[in-house]
Each structure stands twice: as C-alpha cells, then as structure tokens.
Amino acid sequence: MSYVFQVGDRVVKNPATWKPSAFDAWAGIGTGEVLCVEVAPGIVDVRWPGGRCYQYVDELTLHFKPETDGEFSHRLRDVAPHE
C-alpha cells in the first residue's frame, strides 16, 4: 500500500517496497520529513538526517509513535505504485 503525504509528515522507508539507489548510504536512514509534495507525480521531497532526496511515495510509510498512532490515518489513501 502507498500513501499520499502532506508537508511536515514524518516518514520512514518501507522495507517491503524500497528500491536500492546510489543514495542509500544516507537516504532512508532514520526518520525523514516531507518538505514538498508532488515534485512530480508520485514523488515527494524528503529531508533525511543525512540530506534531502526525492522519493517515490510507495517507498515510504508514515512514522508512527505509540502515543500518536492513528493521528494521520484519516488522510491516508491508496495511490498507484511507480514502475
């Protein structure tokens, strides 16, 4: 399942859908923050602890903390995965 994100959402890589890239040394490590949505169809701009990178939305999932689990669930919807 893929999600549509909003600016400010905290995200982590989805290990089930993550595609290896040249940026894997730092992109997808830790928790990222969505800075800009729809950079291109299905792509968002994410600031990771190691830098910024464009990511396909189907490679990410929202980062939930136990005390706020479900806080964002009202905004989630399916989108087509990239090929």
C-alpha atoms as a PDB file:
ATOM      1  CA  MET A   1       0.000   0.000   0.000  1.00  0.00           C
ATOM      2  CA  SER A   2       1.216   3.509  -0.772  1.00  0.00           C
ATOM      3  CA  TYR A   3       0.266   6.790   0.859  1.00  0.00           C
ATOM      4  CA  VAL A   4      -0.116  10.404  -0.082  1.00  0.00           C
ATOM      5  CA  PHE A   5       1.756  12.658   2.302  1.00  0.00           C
ATOM      6  CA  GLN A   6       1.469  16.252   3.456  1.00  0.00           C
ATOM      7  CA  VAL A   7       4.247  18.743   4.127  1.00  0.00           C
ATOM      8  CA  GLY A   8       5.635  18.121   7.609  1.00  0.00           C
ATOM      9  CA  ASP A   9       4.744  14.424   7.769  1.00  0.00           C
ATOM     10  CA  ARG A  10       7.412  12.229   9.370  1.00  0.00           C
ATOM     11  CA  VAL A  11       8.244   9.240   7.187  1.00  0.00           C
ATOM     12  CA  VAL A  12      10.457   6.161   7.200  1.00  0.00           C
ATOM     13  CA  LYS A  13      11.445   3.886   4.352  1.00  0.00           C
ATOM     14  CA  ASN A  14       9.140   0.960   3.677  1.00  0.00           C
ATOM     15  CA  PRO A  15      11.482  -2.053   3.545  1.00  0.00           C
ATOM     16  CA  ALA A  16       8.922  -4.039   1.547  1.00  0.00           C
ATOM     17  CA  THR A  17       8.885  -1.538  -1.350  1.00  0.00           C
ATOM     18  CA  TRP A  18      12.209   0.361  -1.076  1.00  0.00           C
ATOM     19  CA  LYS A  19      14.225   0.251  -4.307  1.00  0.00           C
ATOM     20  CA  PRO A  20      18.040   0.404  -3.936  1.00  0.00           C
ATOM     21  CA  SER A  21      19.711   3.555  -5.248  1.00  0.00           C
ATOM     22  CA  ALA A  22      23.038   5.388  -5.191  1.00  0.00           C
ATOM     23  CA  PHE A  23      21.742   7.429  -2.237  1.00  0.00           C
ATOM     24  CA  ASP A  24      21.143   4.503   0.124  1.00  0.00           C
ATOM     25  CA  ALA A  25      24.171   5.433   2.253  1.00  0.00           C
ATOM     26  CA  TRP A  26      22.037   8.235   3.753  1.00  0.00           C
ATOM     27  CA  ALA A  27      18.556   8.404   2.141  1.00  0.00           C
ATOM     28  CA  GLY A  28      16.043   6.293   4.005  1.00  0.00           C
ATOM     29  CA  ILE A  29      18.186   6.171   7.138  1.00  0.00           C
ATOM     30  CA  GLY A  30      16.232   7.250  10.213  1.00  0.00           C
ATOM     31  CA  THR A  31      13.117   9.414  10.083  1.00  0.00           C
ATOM     32  CA  GLY A  32      12.592  11.904   7.274  1.00  0.00           C
ATOM     33  CA  GLU A  33      10.335  14.939   6.963  1.00  0.00           C
ATOM     34  CA  VAL A  34       8.274  15.654   3.843  1.00  0.00           C
ATOM     35  CA  LEU A  35       9.247  19.142   2.626  1.00  0.00           C
ATOM     36  CA  CYS A  36       7.345  19.329  -0.651  1.00  0.00           C
ATOM     37  CA  VAL A  37       4.651  17.112  -2.116  1.00  0.00           C
ATOM     38  CA  GLU A  38       4.090  16.258  -5.779  1.00  0.00           C
ATOM     39  CA  VAL A  39       7.543  17.275  -7.006  1.00  0.00           C
ATOM     40  CA  ALA A  40       6.470  15.006  -9.857  1.00  0.00           C
ATOM     41  CA  PRO A  41       3.594  12.522  -9.940  1.00  0.00           C
ATOM     42  CA  GLY A  42       4.078  10.145  -7.016  1.00  0.00           C
ATOM     43  CA  ILE A  43       7.297  11.821  -5.809  1.00  0.00           C
ATOM     44  CA  VAL A  44       7.909  13.885  -2.662  1.00  0.00           C
ATOM     45  CA  ASP A  45      10.916  15.831  -1.388  1.00  0.00           C
ATOM     46  CA  VAL A  46      12.162  14.367   1.913  1.00  0.00           C
ATOM     47  CA  ARG A  47      14.765  15.727   4.330  1.00  0.00           C
ATOM     48  CA  TRP A  48      16.563  12.773   5.915  1.00  0.00           C
ATOM     49  CA  PRO A  49      19.078  13.223   8.739  1.00  0.00           C
ATOM     50  CA  GLY A  50      21.822  12.884   6.081  1.00  0.00           C
ATOM     51  CA  GLY A  51      20.333  15.228   3.446  1.00  0.00           C
ATOM     52  CA  ARG A  52      17.440  15.837   1.065  1.00  0.00           C
ATOM     53  CA  CYS A  53      16.248  13.422  -1.594  1.00  0.00           C
ATOM     54  CA  TYR A  54      13.265  12.951  -3.893  1.00  0.00           C
ATOM     55  CA  GLN A  55      11.433   9.739  -3.013  1.00  0.00           C
ATOM     56  CA  TYR A  56       8.618   7.772  -4.590  1.00  0.00           C
ATOM     57  CA  VAL A  57       5.655   7.759  -2.201  1.00  0.00           C
ATOM     58  CA  ASP A  58       5.280   3.991  -2.478  1.00  0.00           C
ATOM     59  CA  GLU A  59       8.777   3.564  -0.977  1.00  0.00           C
ATOM     60  CA  LEU A  60       7.743   5.391   2.214  1.00  0.00           C
ATOM     61  CA  THR A  61       5.380   4.954   5.118  1.00  0.00           C
ATOM     62  CA  LEU A  62       4.324   7.315   7.884  1.00  0.00           C
ATOM     63  CA  HIS A  63       6.399   7.194  11.048  1.00  0.00           C
ATOM     64  CA  PHE A  64       4.084   6.500  13.972  1.00  0.00           C
ATOM     65  CA  LYS A  65       4.909   6.956  17.612  1.00  0.00           C
ATOM     66  CA  PRO A  66       2.910   4.750  20.010  1.00  0.00           C
ATOM     67  CA  GLU A  67       1.299   7.761  21.714  1.00  0.00           C
ATOM     68  CA  THR A  68       0.103   9.255  18.393  1.00  0.00           C
ATOM     69  CA  ASP A  69      -0.616   6.061  16.442  1.00  0.00           C
ATOM     70  CA  GLY A  70      -3.500   6.731  14.085  1.00  0.00           C
ATOM     71  CA  GLU A  71      -3.129  10.517  14.181  1.00  0.00           C
ATOM     72  CA  PHE A  72      -2.640  10.641  10.417  1.00  0.00           C
ATOM     73  CA  SER A  73      -4.783   7.651   9.419  1.00  0.00           C
ATOM     74  CA  HIS A  74      -7.710   9.832   8.341  1.00  0.00           C
ATOM     75  CA  ARG A  75      -5.538  11.243   5.499  1.00  0.00           C
ATOM     76  CA  LEU A  76      -4.187   8.001   4.059  1.00  0.00           C
ATOM     77  CA  ARG A  77      -5.369   6.705   0.711  1.00  0.00           C
ATOM     78  CA  ASP A  78      -4.101   4.264  -1.873  1.00  0.00           C
ATOM     79  CA  VAL A  79      -2.115   5.519  -4.858  1.00  0.00           C
ATOM     80  CA  ALA A  80      -0.694   3.625  -7.781  1.00  0.00           C
ATOM     81  CA  PRO A  81       2.895   2.445  -7.230  1.00  0.00           C
ATOM     82  CA  HIS A  82       5.603   3.651  -9.596  1.00  0.00           C
ATOM     83  CA  GLU A  83       7.080   1.250 -12.136  1.00  0.00           C
END
